[in-house]
PDB file of all heavy atoms in Angstrom:
ATOM      1  N   GLN A   1      -5.943   7.256  -4.785  1.00  0.00           N
ATOM      2  CA  GLN A   1      -6.003   8.665  -4.706  1.00  0.00           C
ATOM      3  C   GLN A   1      -6.137   9.113  -3.289  1.00  0.00           C
ATOM      4  O   GLN A   1      -7.057   8.705  -2.607  1.00  0.00           O
ATOM      5  CB  GLN A   1      -7.238   9.205  -5.538  1.00  0.00           C
ATOM      6  CG  GLN A   1      -7.394  10.739  -5.508  1.00  0.00           C
ATOM      7  CD  GLN A   1      -6.263  11.445  -6.237  1.00  0.00           C
ATOM      8  OE1 GLN A   1      -5.940  11.143  -7.390  1.00  0.00           O
ATOM      9  NE2 GLN A   1      -5.644  12.409  -5.606  1.00  0.00           N
ATOM     10  N   MET A   2      -5.207   9.900  -2.824  1.00  0.00           N
ATOM     11  CA  MET A   2      -5.202  10.357  -1.461  1.00  0.00           C
ATOM     12  C   MET A   2      -5.351  11.848  -1.404  1.00  0.00           C
ATOM     13  O   MET A   2      -4.672  12.563  -2.112  1.00  0.00           O
ATOM     14  CB  MET A   2      -3.839   9.954  -0.758  1.00  0.00           C
ATOM     15  CG  MET A   2      -3.575   8.471  -0.901  1.00  0.00           C
ATOM     16  SD  MET A   2      -2.031   7.983   0.010  1.00  0.00           S
ATOM     17  CE  MET A   2      -0.809   8.884  -0.947  1.00  0.00           C
ATOM     18  N   THR A   3      -6.291  12.291  -0.581  1.00  0.00           N
ATOM     19  CA  THR A   3      -6.533  13.726  -0.423  1.00  0.00           C
ATOM     20  C   THR A   3      -6.486  14.070   1.018  1.00  0.00           C
ATOM     21  O   THR A   3      -6.535  13.234   1.907  1.00  0.00           O
ATOM     22  CB  THR A   3      -7.941  14.070  -0.999  1.00  0.00           C
ATOM     23  OG1 THR A   3      -8.939  13.398  -0.293  1.00  0.00           O
ATOM     24  CG2 THR A   3      -8.038  13.744  -2.465  1.00  0.00           C
ATOM     25  N   SER A   4      -6.379  15.405   1.258  1.00  0.00           N
ATOM     26  CA  SER A   4      -6.323  15.923   2.614  1.00  0.00           C
ATOM     27  C   SER A   4      -5.336  15.197   3.479  1.00  0.00           C
ATOM     28  O   SER A   4      -5.592  14.788   4.585  1.00  0.00           O
ATOM     29  CB  SER A   4      -7.709  15.847   3.286  1.00  0.00           C
ATOM     30  OG  SER A   4      -8.653  16.631   2.552  1.00  0.00           O
ATOM     31  N   LEU A   5      -4.141  15.082   2.937  1.00  0.00           N
ATOM     32  CA  LEU A   5      -3.069  14.267   3.586  1.00  0.00           C
ATOM     33  C   LEU A   5      -2.634  14.912   4.901  1.00  0.00           C
ATOM     34  O   LEU A   5      -2.543  16.149   4.990  1.00  0.00           O
ATOM     35  CB  LEU A   5      -1.914  14.086   2.610  1.00  0.00           C
ATOM     36  CG  LEU A   5      -2.145  13.069   1.526  1.00  0.00           C
ATOM     37  CD1 LEU A   5      -1.123  13.172   0.437  1.00  0.00           C
ATOM     38  CD2 LEU A   5      -2.184  11.655   2.113  1.00  0.00           C
ATOM     39  N   LYS A   6      -2.324  14.042   5.819  1.00  0.00           N
ATOM     40  CA  LYS A   6      -1.871  14.475   7.113  1.00  0.00           C
ATOM     41  C   LYS A   6      -0.481  13.864   7.436  1.00  0.00           C
ATOM     42  O   LYS A   6      -0.088  12.854   6.776  1.00  0.00           O
ATOM     43  CB  LYS A   6      -2.858  13.943   8.207  1.00  0.00           C
ATOM     44  CG  LYS A   6      -4.267  14.384   7.988  1.00  0.00           C
ATOM     45  CD  LYS A   6      -5.180  13.699   8.967  1.00  0.00           C
ATOM     46  CE  LYS A   6      -6.664  14.083   8.733  1.00  0.00           C
ATOM     47  NZ  LYS A   6      -7.574  13.413   9.688  1.00  0.00           N
ATOM     48  N   PRO A   7       0.272  14.471   8.285  1.00  0.00           N
ATOM     49  CA  PRO A   7       1.577  13.940   8.642  1.00  0.00           C
ATOM     50  C   PRO A   7       1.543  12.499   9.042  1.00  0.00           C
ATOM     51  O   PRO A   7       2.461  11.714   8.767  1.00  0.00           O
ATOM     52  CB  PRO A   7       2.068  14.837   9.781  1.00  0.00           C
ATOM     53  CG  PRO A   7       1.410  16.158   9.502  1.00  0.00           C
ATOM     54  CD  PRO A   7       0.043  15.784   8.992  1.00  0.00           C
ATOM     55  N   GLU A   8       0.475  12.045   9.729  1.00  0.00           N
ATOM     56  CA  GLU A   8       0.359  10.710  10.122  1.00  0.00           C
ATOM     57  C   GLU A   8       0.145   9.719   8.993  1.00  0.00           C
ATOM     58  O   GLU A   8       0.164   8.496   9.194  1.00  0.00           O
ATOM     59  CB  GLU A   8      -0.747  10.482  11.181  1.00  0.00           C
ATOM     60  CG  GLU A   8      -2.078  11.064  10.768  1.00  0.00           C
ATOM     61  CD  GLU A   8      -2.323  12.435  11.333  1.00  0.00           C
ATOM     62  OE1 GLU A   8      -1.394  13.276  11.347  1.00  0.00           O
ATOM     63  OE2 GLU A   8      -3.467  12.719  11.790  1.00  0.00           O
ATOM     64  N   ASP A   9      -0.049  10.225   7.789  1.00  0.00           N
ATOM     65  CA  ASP A   9      -0.157   9.370   6.597  1.00  0.00           C
ATOM     66  C   ASP A   9       1.222   8.986   6.054  1.00  0.00           C
ATOM     67  O   ASP A   9       1.323   8.248   5.125  1.00  0.00           O
ATOM     68  CB  ASP A   9      -0.949  10.086   5.492  1.00  0.00           C
ATOM     69  CG  ASP A   9      -2.414  10.260   5.870  1.00  0.00           C
ATOM     70  OD1 ASP A   9      -3.006   9.349   6.431  1.00  0.00           O
ATOM     71  OD2 ASP A   9      -2.984  11.343   5.550  1.00  0.00           O
ATOM     72  N   THR A  10       2.252   9.613   6.601  1.00  0.00           N
ATOM     73  CA  THR A  10       3.602   9.290   6.218  1.00  0.00           C
ATOM     74  C   THR A  10       3.901   7.833   6.411  1.00  0.00           C
ATOM     75  O   THR A  10       3.775   7.308   7.531  1.00  0.00           O
ATOM     76  CB  THR A  10       4.639  10.185   6.975  1.00  0.00           C
ATOM     77  OG1 THR A  10       4.416  11.554   6.596  1.00  0.00           O
ATOM     78  CG2 THR A  10       6.059   9.803   6.601  1.00  0.00           C
ATOM     79  N   ALA A  11       4.322   7.144   5.376  1.00  0.00           N
ATOM     80  CA  ALA A  11       4.594   5.708   5.466  1.00  0.00           C
ATOM     81  C   ALA A  11       5.069   5.209   4.097  1.00  0.00           C
ATOM     82  O   ALA A  11       5.043   5.941   3.108  1.00  0.00           O
ATOM     83  CB  ALA A  11       3.333   4.949   5.859  1.00  0.00           C
ATOM     84  N   VAL A  12       5.526   4.015   4.075  1.00  0.00           N
ATOM     85  CA  VAL A  12       5.805   3.291   2.858  1.00  0.00           C
ATOM     86  C   VAL A  12       4.494   2.609   2.441  1.00  0.00           C
ATOM     87  O   VAL A  12       3.927   1.851   3.231  1.00  0.00           O
ATOM     88  CB  VAL A  12       6.949   2.278   2.924  1.00  0.00           C
ATOM     89  CG1 VAL A  12       7.110   1.528   1.642  1.00  0.00           C
ATOM     90  CG2 VAL A  12       8.234   2.967   3.339  1.00  0.00           C
ATOM     91  N   TYR A  13       4.073   2.881   1.237  1.00  0.00           N
ATOM     92  CA  TYR A  13       2.805   2.327   0.766  1.00  0.00           C
ATOM     93  C   TYR A  13       3.089   1.135  -0.179  1.00  0.00           C
ATOM     94  O   TYR A  13       3.873   1.296  -1.149  1.00  0.00           O
ATOM     95  CB  TYR A  13       1.964   3.382   0.069  1.00  0.00           C
ATOM     96  CG  TYR A  13       1.307   4.318   1.046  1.00  0.00           C
ATOM     97  CD1 TYR A  13       2.011   5.262   1.740  1.00  0.00           C
ATOM     98  CD2 TYR A  13      -0.077   4.258   1.271  1.00  0.00           C
ATOM     99  CE1 TYR A  13       1.437   6.103   2.641  1.00  0.00           C
ATOM    100  CE2 TYR A  13      -0.729   5.114   2.155  1.00  0.00           C
ATOM    101  CZ  TYR A  13       0.048   6.039   2.844  1.00  0.00           C
ATOM    102  OH  TYR A  13      -0.583   6.880   3.737  1.00  0.00           O
ATOM    103  N   TYR A  14       2.459   0.021   0.058  1.00  0.00           N
ATOM    104  CA  TYR A  14       2.666  -1.189  -0.719  1.00  0.00           C
ATOM    105  C   TYR A  14       1.344  -1.609  -1.394  1.00  0.00           C
ATOM    106  O   TYR A  14       0.301  -1.439  -0.823  1.00  0.00           O
ATOM    107  CB  TYR A  14       3.111  -2.359   0.147  1.00  0.00           C
ATOM    108  CG  TYR A  14       4.412  -2.141   0.901  1.00  0.00           C
ATOM    109  CD1 TYR A  14       4.386  -1.585   2.148  1.00  0.00           C
ATOM    110  CD2 TYR A  14       5.565  -2.533   0.342  1.00  0.00           C
ATOM    111  CE1 TYR A  14       5.581  -1.398   2.847  1.00  0.00           C
ATOM    112  CE2 TYR A  14       6.775  -2.370   1.021  1.00  0.00           C
ATOM    113  CZ  TYR A  14       6.765  -1.801   2.276  1.00  0.00           C
ATOM    114  OH  TYR A  14       7.934  -1.645   2.987  1.00  0.00           O
ATOM    115  N   CYS A  15       1.474  -2.089  -2.600  1.00  0.00           N
ATOM    116  CA  CYS A  15       0.325  -2.776  -3.238  1.00  0.00           C
ATOM    117  C   CYS A  15       0.531  -4.263  -3.204  1.00  0.00           C
ATOM    118  O   CYS A  15       1.694  -4.752  -3.195  1.00  0.00           O
ATOM    119  CB  CYS A  15       0.054  -2.250  -4.646  1.00  0.00           C
ATOM    120  SG  CYS A  15       1.315  -2.648  -5.859  1.00  0.00           S
ATOM    121  N   ALA A  16      -0.559  -5.004  -3.154  1.00  0.00           N
ATOM    122  CA  ALA A  16      -0.500  -6.434  -3.075  1.00  0.00           C
ATOM    123  C   ALA A  16      -1.663  -7.056  -3.805  1.00  0.00           C
ATOM    124  O   ALA A  16      -2.730  -6.441  -3.876  1.00  0.00           O
ATOM    125  CB  ALA A  16      -0.461  -6.891  -1.632  1.00  0.00           C
ATOM    126  N   ALA A  17      -1.437  -8.239  -4.347  1.00  0.00           N
ATOM    127  CA  ALA A  17      -2.527  -8.966  -5.017  1.00  0.00           C
ATOM    128  C   ALA A  17      -2.836 -10.229  -4.303  1.00  0.00           C
ATOM    129  O   ALA A  17      -1.954 -10.948  -3.790  1.00  0.00           O
ATOM    130  CB  ALA A  17      -2.122  -9.261  -6.464  1.00  0.00           C
ATOM    131  N   ALA A  18      -4.148 -10.554  -4.270  1.00  0.00           N
ATOM    132  CA  ALA A  18      -4.642 -11.784  -3.596  1.00  0.00           C
ATOM    133  C   ALA A  18      -5.512 -12.549  -4.543  1.00  0.00           C
ATOM    134  O   ALA A  18      -6.716 -12.408  -4.533  1.00  0.00           O
ATOM    135  CB  ALA A  18      -5.437 -11.370  -2.333  1.00  0.00           C
ATOM    136  N   PRO A  19      -4.900 -13.430  -5.344  1.00  0.00           N
ATOM    137  CA  PRO A  19      -5.710 -14.256  -6.259  1.00  0.00           C
ATOM    138  C   PRO A  19      -6.524 -15.322  -5.621  1.00  0.00           C
ATOM    139  O   PRO A  19      -7.500 -15.801  -6.222  1.00  0.00           O
ATOM    140  CB  PRO A  19      -4.618 -14.799  -7.206  1.00  0.00           C
ATOM    141  CG  PRO A  19      -3.403 -14.894  -6.336  1.00  0.00           C
ATOM    142  CD  PRO A  19      -3.463 -13.680  -5.464  1.00  0.00           C
ATOM    143  N   SER A  20      -6.171 -15.712  -4.389  1.00  0.00           N
ATOM    144  CA  SER A  20      -6.863 -16.805  -3.733  1.00  0.00           C
ATOM    145  C   SER A  20      -7.153 -16.535  -2.262  1.00  0.00           C
ATOM    146  O   SER A  20      -7.072 -17.441  -1.475  1.00  0.00           O
ATOM    147  CB  SER A  20      -6.065 -18.119  -3.893  1.00  0.00           C
ATOM    148  OG  SER A  20      -4.775 -18.004  -3.317  1.00  0.00           O
ATOM    149  N   GLY A  21      -7.422 -15.261  -1.954  1.00  0.00           N
ATOM    150  CA  GLY A  21      -7.776 -14.900  -0.596  1.00  0.00           C
ATOM    151  C   GLY A  21      -6.584 -14.509   0.276  1.00  0.00           C
ATOM    152  O   GLY A  21      -6.824 -14.125   1.426  1.00  0.00           O
ATOM    153  N   VAL A  22      -5.434 -14.680  -0.205  1.00  0.00           N
ATOM    154  CA  VAL A  22      -4.208 -14.317   0.522  1.00  0.00           C
ATOM    155  C   VAL A  22      -3.344 -13.374  -0.266  1.00  0.00           C
ATOM    156  O   VAL A  22      -3.158 -13.582  -1.444  1.00  0.00           O
ATOM    157  CB  VAL A  22      -3.361 -15.583   0.884  1.00  0.00           C
ATOM    158  CG1 VAL A  22      -2.072 -15.198   1.597  1.00  0.00           C
ATOM    159  CG2 VAL A  22      -4.209 -16.545   1.726  1.00  0.00           C
ATOM    160  N   TYR A  23      -2.895 -12.322   0.344  1.00  0.00           N
ATOM    161  CA  TYR A  23      -2.049 -11.330  -0.355  1.00  0.00           C
ATOM    162  C   TYR A  23      -0.628 -11.926  -0.426  1.00  0.00           C
ATOM    163  O   TYR A  23       0.180 -11.732   0.481  1.00  0.00           O
ATOM    164  CB  TYR A  23      -2.027  -9.991   0.383  1.00  0.00           C
ATOM    165  CG  TYR A  23      -3.306  -9.222   0.250  1.00  0.00           C
ATOM    166  CD1 TYR A  23      -4.220  -9.143   1.270  1.00  0.00           C
ATOM    167  CD2 TYR A  23      -3.623  -8.566  -0.932  1.00  0.00           C
ATOM    168  CE1 TYR A  23      -5.407  -8.446   1.170  1.00  0.00           C
ATOM    169  CE2 TYR A  23      -4.798  -7.879  -1.077  1.00  0.00           C
ATOM    170  CZ  TYR A  23      -5.686  -7.782  -0.032  1.00  0.00           C
ATOM    171  OH  TYR A  23      -6.864  -7.077  -0.152  1.00  0.00           O
ATOM    172  N   ASN A  24      -0.329 -12.612  -1.538  1.00  0.00           N
ATOM    173  CA  ASN A  24       0.941 -13.269  -1.646  1.00  0.00           C
ATOM    174  C   ASN A  24       1.824 -12.666  -2.744  1.00  0.00           C
ATOM    175  O   ASN A  24       2.913 -13.195  -3.025  1.00  0.00           O
ATOM    176  CB  ASN A  24       0.735 -14.790  -1.903  1.00  0.00           C
ATOM    177  CG  ASN A  24      -0.187 -15.087  -3.029  1.00  0.00           C
ATOM    178  OD1 ASN A  24      -0.663 -14.217  -3.768  1.00  0.00           O
ATOM    179  ND2 ASN A  24      -0.547 -16.363  -3.165  1.00  0.00           N
ATOM    180  N   TYR A  25       1.345 -11.616  -3.388  1.00  0.00           N
ATOM    181  CA  TYR A  25       2.176 -10.856  -4.331  1.00  0.00           C
ATOM    182  C   TYR A  25       2.277  -9.437  -3.840  1.00  0.00           C
ATOM    183  O   TYR A  25       1.279  -8.757  -3.636  1.00  0.00           O
ATOM    184  CB  TYR A  25       1.602 -10.918  -5.752  1.00  0.00           C
ATOM    185  CG  TYR A  25       1.554 -12.286  -6.358  1.00  0.00           C
ATOM    186  CD1 TYR A  25       0.370 -12.992  -6.393  1.00  0.00           C
ATOM    187  CD2 TYR A  25       2.707 -12.878  -6.878  1.00  0.00           C
ATOM    188  CE1 TYR A  25       0.302 -14.265  -6.961  1.00  0.00           C
ATOM    189  CE2 TYR A  25       2.684 -14.153  -7.431  1.00  0.00           C
ATOM    190  CZ  TYR A  25       1.470 -14.838  -7.444  1.00  0.00           C
ATOM    191  OH  TYR A  25       1.418 -16.088  -8.022  1.00  0.00           O
ATOM    192  N   TRP A  26       3.517  -8.964  -3.689  1.00  0.00           N
ATOM    193  CA  TRP A  26       3.746  -7.644  -3.144  1.00  0.00           C
ATOM    194  C   TRP A  26       4.705  -6.849  -3.953  1.00  0.00           C
ATOM    195  O   TRP A  26       5.649  -7.382  -4.526  1.00  0.00           O
ATOM    196  CB  TRP A  26       4.305  -7.774  -1.692  1.00  0.00           C
ATOM    197  CG  TRP A  26       3.346  -8.344  -0.719  1.00  0.00           C
ATOM    198  CD1 TRP A  26       3.072  -9.668  -0.506  1.00  0.00           C
ATOM    199  CD2 TRP A  26       2.503  -7.592   0.194  1.00  0.00           C
ATOM    200  NE1 TRP A  26       2.125  -9.787   0.505  1.00  0.00           N
ATOM    201  CE2 TRP A  26       1.783  -8.551   0.920  1.00  0.00           C
ATOM    202  CE3 TRP A  26       2.364  -6.244   0.471  1.00  0.00           C
ATOM    203  CZ2 TRP A  26       0.837  -8.168   1.937  1.00  0.00           C
ATOM    204  CZ3 TRP A  26       1.439  -5.877   1.442  1.00  0.00           C
ATOM    205  CH2 TRP A  26       0.711  -6.833   2.178  1.00  0.00           C
ATOM    206  N   GLY A  27       4.482  -5.536  -4.001  1.00  0.00           N
ATOM    207  CA  GLY A  27       5.423  -4.641  -4.628  1.00  0.00           C
ATOM    208  C   GLY A  27       6.494  -4.215  -3.650  1.00  0.00           C
ATOM    209  O   GLY A  27       6.507  -4.622  -2.514  1.00  0.00           O
ATOM    210  N   GLN A  28       7.415  -3.385  -4.128  1.00  0.00           N
ATOM    211  CA  GLN A  28       8.537  -2.954  -3.341  1.00  0.00           C
ATOM    212  C   GLN A  28       8.173  -1.759  -2.418  1.00  0.00           C
ATOM    213  O   GLN A  28       8.907  -1.496  -1.475  1.00  0.00           O
ATOM    214  CB  GLN A  28       9.692  -2.579  -4.259  1.00  0.00           C
ATOM    215  CG  GLN A  28      10.338  -3.754  -4.953  1.00  0.00           C
ATOM    216  CD  GLN A  28      11.005  -4.718  -3.979  1.00  0.00           C
ATOM    217  OE1 GLN A  28      10.549  -5.795  -3.775  1.00  0.00           O
ATOM    218  NE2 GLN A  28      12.152  -4.338  -3.425  1.00  0.00           N
ATOM    219  N   GLY A  29       7.100  -1.108  -2.701  1.00  0.00           N
ATOM    220  CA  GLY A  29       6.655   0.001  -1.893  1.00  0.00           C
ATOM    221  C   GLY A  29       7.113   1.334  -2.461  1.00  0.00           C
ATOM    222  O   GLY A  29       8.107   1.472  -3.191  1.00  0.00           O
ATOM    223  N   THR A  30       6.364   2.385  -2.139  1.00  0.00           N
ATOM    224  CA  THR A  30       6.723   3.741  -2.479  1.00  0.00           C
ATOM    225  C   THR A  30       6.528   4.641  -1.254  1.00  0.00           C
ATOM    226  O   THR A  30       5.582   4.536  -0.557  1.00  0.00           O
ATOM    227  CB  THR A  30       5.833   4.225  -3.685  1.00  0.00           C
ATOM    228  OG1 THR A  30       6.309   5.515  -4.083  1.00  0.00           O
ATOM    229  CG2 THR A  30       4.380   4.265  -3.356  1.00  0.00           C
ATOM    230  N   GLN A  31       7.517   5.477  -1.041  1.00  0.00           N
ATOM    231  CA  GLN A  31       7.498   6.329   0.137  1.00  0.00           C
ATOM    232  C   GLN A  31       6.637   7.560  -0.046  1.00  0.00           C
ATOM    233  O   GLN A  31       6.692   8.251  -1.031  1.00  0.00           O
ATOM    234  CB  GLN A  31       8.931   6.810   0.432  1.00  0.00           C
ATOM    235  CG  GLN A  31       9.021   7.777   1.636  1.00  0.00           C
ATOM    236  CD  GLN A  31       8.766   7.089   2.979  1.00  0.00           C
ATOM    237  OE1 GLN A  31       9.335   6.026   3.244  1.00  0.00           O
ATOM    238  NE2 GLN A  31       7.930   7.685   3.795  1.00  0.00           N
TER     239      GLN A  31
END
């Protein structure tokens, strides 16, 4: 949940999972 958004928040946002301490599963991203 993102509030009070600013122009500098513009980016591709990715989610990732780290089952063993390393983020080795990644999504495609959303703009």
